[in-house]
């Protein structure tokens, strides 16, 4: 069953350009990942430091495998240093 992952990130003021670069790097790595279907990045209209990334995966196991990917973990660790608060990720299924 397909799942959607919603990742909520709040970037420290002044770190948006550096964050965007890492986000693009992560995107190039995720596209060929097993089970990846699609993704989109949204930026809050009233808070430009708040980003939501929504990805769709074939199943939860494919997502969990990507979560453990060493390349992803490396980029994610760099991103966390730019966050105003810890990254939040939730898994959703179609109702």
C-alpha atoms as a PDB file:
ATOM      1  CA  UNK A   1       0.000   0.000   0.000  1.00  0.00           C
ATOM      2  CA  UNK A   2       1.348   3.427  -0.966  1.00  0.00           C
ATOM      3  CA  UNK A   3       2.260   5.798   1.840  1.00  0.00           C
ATOM      4  CA  UNK A   4       2.903   9.527   2.047  1.00  0.00           C
ATOM      5  CA  UNK A   5       5.583  10.949   4.266  1.00  0.00           C
ATOM      6  CA  UNK A   6       5.191  14.498   5.551  1.00  0.00           C
ATOM      7  CA  UNK A   7       8.429  16.054   6.788  1.00  0.00           C
ATOM      8  CA  UNK A   8       8.191  19.367   8.633  1.00  0.00           C
ATOM      9  CA  UNK A   9      11.340  21.472   8.950  1.00  0.00           C
ATOM     10  CA  UNK A  10      11.858  24.943  10.405  1.00  0.00           C
ATOM     11  CA  UNK A  11      15.137  26.484   9.274  1.00  0.00           C
ATOM     12  CA  UNK A  12      17.096  28.999  11.332  1.00  0.00           C
ATOM     13  CA  UNK A  13      16.831  32.542   9.981  1.00  0.00           C
ATOM     14  CA  UNK A  14      19.578  33.242   7.454  1.00  0.00           C
ATOM     15  CA  UNK A  15      20.226  29.534   6.733  1.00  0.00           C
ATOM     16  CA  UNK A  16      17.622  29.128   3.967  1.00  0.00           C
ATOM     17  CA  UNK A  17      20.098  29.242   1.056  1.00  0.00           C
ATOM     18  CA  UNK A  18      22.354  26.601   2.623  1.00  0.00           C
ATOM     19  CA  UNK A  19      19.294  24.491   3.469  1.00  0.00           C
ATOM     20  CA  UNK A  20      17.941  24.720  -0.093  1.00  0.00           C
ATOM     21  CA  UNK A  21      21.266  23.435  -1.437  1.00  0.00           C
ATOM     22  CA  UNK A  22      21.121  20.397   0.864  1.00  0.00           C
ATOM     23  CA  UNK A  23      17.500  19.802  -0.026  1.00  0.00           C
ATOM     24  CA  UNK A  24      18.415  19.661  -3.730  1.00  0.00           C
ATOM     25  CA  UNK A  25      21.260  17.258  -2.911  1.00  0.00           C
ATOM     26  CA  UNK A  26      18.889  15.009  -1.015  1.00  0.00           C
ATOM     27  CA  UNK A  27      16.351  15.144  -3.836  1.00  0.00           C
ATOM     28  CA  UNK A  28      18.918  13.879  -6.376  1.00  0.00           C
ATOM     29  CA  UNK A  29      19.667  10.952  -4.083  1.00  0.00           C
ATOM     30  CA  UNK A  30      16.052   9.979  -3.379  1.00  0.00           C
ATOM     31  CA  UNK A  31      14.758   9.846  -6.970  1.00  0.00           C
ATOM     32  CA  UNK A  32      16.446   6.506  -7.813  1.00  0.00           C
ATOM     33  CA  UNK A  33      15.586   4.988  -4.397  1.00  0.00           C
ATOM     34  CA  UNK A  34      13.576   1.770  -4.414  1.00  0.00           C
ATOM     35  CA  UNK A  35       9.877   2.500  -4.003  1.00  0.00           C
ATOM     36  CA  UNK A  36      10.099   6.263  -4.396  1.00  0.00           C
ATOM     37  CA  UNK A  37       7.159   7.594  -6.434  1.00  0.00           C
ATOM     38  CA  UNK A  38       7.159  11.374  -6.087  1.00  0.00           C
ATOM     39  CA  UNK A  39       7.891  14.332  -3.877  1.00  0.00           C
ATOM     40  CA  UNK A  40       7.180  17.996  -3.484  1.00  0.00           C
ATOM     41  CA  UNK A  41       8.521  20.770  -1.292  1.00  0.00           C
ATOM     42  CA  UNK A  42       6.322  23.532   0.080  1.00  0.00           C
ATOM     43  CA  UNK A  43       7.307  26.706   1.913  1.00  0.00           C
ATOM     44  CA  UNK A  44       4.887  28.406   4.297  1.00  0.00           C
ATOM     45  CA  UNK A  45       3.487  31.634   2.881  1.00  0.00           C
ATOM     46  CA  UNK A  46       3.549  33.434   6.223  1.00  0.00           C
ATOM     47  CA  UNK A  47       6.795  31.874   7.531  1.00  0.00           C
ATOM     48  CA  UNK A  48       9.485  31.438   4.887  1.00  0.00           C
ATOM     49  CA  UNK A  49      11.640  29.444   7.279  1.00  0.00           C
ATOM     50  CA  UNK A  50       9.056  26.632   7.520  1.00  0.00           C
ATOM     51  CA  UNK A  51       9.210  23.892   4.877  1.00  0.00           C
ATOM     52  CA  UNK A  52       7.079  20.828   4.324  1.00  0.00           C
ATOM     53  CA  UNK A  53       8.328  17.982   2.136  1.00  0.00           C
ATOM     54  CA  UNK A  54       5.742  15.429   1.017  1.00  0.00           C
ATOM     55  CA  UNK A  55       6.947  12.218  -0.574  1.00  0.00           C
ATOM     56  CA  UNK A  56       5.013   9.229  -1.832  1.00  0.00           C
ATOM     57  CA  UNK A  57       6.408   5.704  -1.576  1.00  0.00           C
ATOM     58  CA  UNK A  58       5.245   2.295  -2.807  1.00  0.00           C
ATOM     59  CA  UNK A  59       5.102   1.083   0.802  1.00  0.00           C
ATOM     60  CA  UNK A  60       6.284   1.878   4.306  1.00  0.00           C
ATOM     61  CA  UNK A  61       9.171  -0.601   4.101  1.00  0.00           C
ATOM     62  CA  UNK A  62      10.677   1.281   1.138  1.00  0.00           C
ATOM     63  CA  UNK A  63      10.444   4.533   3.109  1.00  0.00           C
ATOM     64  CA  UNK A  64      12.045   2.970   6.182  1.00  0.00           C
ATOM     65  CA  UNK A  65      14.852   1.605   4.025  1.00  0.00           C
ATOM     66  CA  UNK A  66      15.468   5.080   2.594  1.00  0.00           C
ATOM     67  CA  UNK A  67      15.409   6.512   6.126  1.00  0.00           C
ATOM     68  CA  UNK A  68      18.339   4.220   6.988  1.00  0.00           C
ATOM     69  CA  UNK A  69      20.273   5.025   3.802  1.00  0.00           C
ATOM     70  CA  UNK A  70      23.805   6.246   4.749  1.00  0.00           C
ATOM     71  CA  UNK A  71      23.755   9.025   2.121  1.00  0.00           C
ATOM     72  CA  UNK A  72      20.419  10.294   3.427  1.00  0.00           C
ATOM     73  CA  UNK A  73      21.569  10.127   7.025  1.00  0.00           C
ATOM     74  CA  UNK A  74      24.696  12.125   6.191  1.00  0.00           C
ATOM     75  CA  UNK A  75      22.748  14.943   4.526  1.00  0.00           C
ATOM     76  CA  UNK A  76      20.041  14.838   7.195  1.00  0.00           C
ATOM     77  CA  UNK A  77      22.671  15.283   9.936  1.00  0.00           C
ATOM     78  CA  UNK A  78      23.985  18.403   8.165  1.00  0.00           C
ATOM     79  CA  UNK A  79      20.437  19.711   7.780  1.00  0.00           C
ATOM     80  CA  UNK A  80      19.671  19.256  11.465  1.00  0.00           C
ATOM     81  CA  UNK A  81      22.407  21.765  12.288  1.00  0.00           C
ATOM     82  CA  UNK A  82      20.439  24.361  10.302  1.00  0.00           C
ATOM     83  CA  UNK A  83      17.104  23.674  12.004  1.00  0.00           C
ATOM     84  CA  UNK A  84      15.407  25.956  14.512  1.00  0.00           C
ATOM     85  CA  UNK A  85      13.774  22.813  15.947  1.00  0.00           C
ATOM     86  CA  UNK A  86      14.124  19.087  15.295  1.00  0.00           C
ATOM     87  CA  UNK A  87      12.733  17.755  12.026  1.00  0.00           C
ATOM     88  CA  UNK A  88       9.340  16.055  12.339  1.00  0.00           C
ATOM     89  CA  UNK A  89       8.299  13.225  10.004  1.00  0.00           C
ATOM     90  CA  UNK A  90       4.958  11.418   9.926  1.00  0.00           C
ATOM     91  CA  UNK A  91       3.765   8.505   7.826  1.00  0.00           C
ATOM     92  CA  UNK A  92       0.283   8.702   6.329  1.00  0.00           C
ATOM     93  CA  UNK A  93      -1.849   6.173   4.458  1.00  0.00           C
ATOM     94  CA  UNK A  94      -4.775   6.904   2.196  1.00  0.00           C
ATOM     95  CA  UNK A  95      -8.078   6.916   4.071  1.00  0.00           C
END
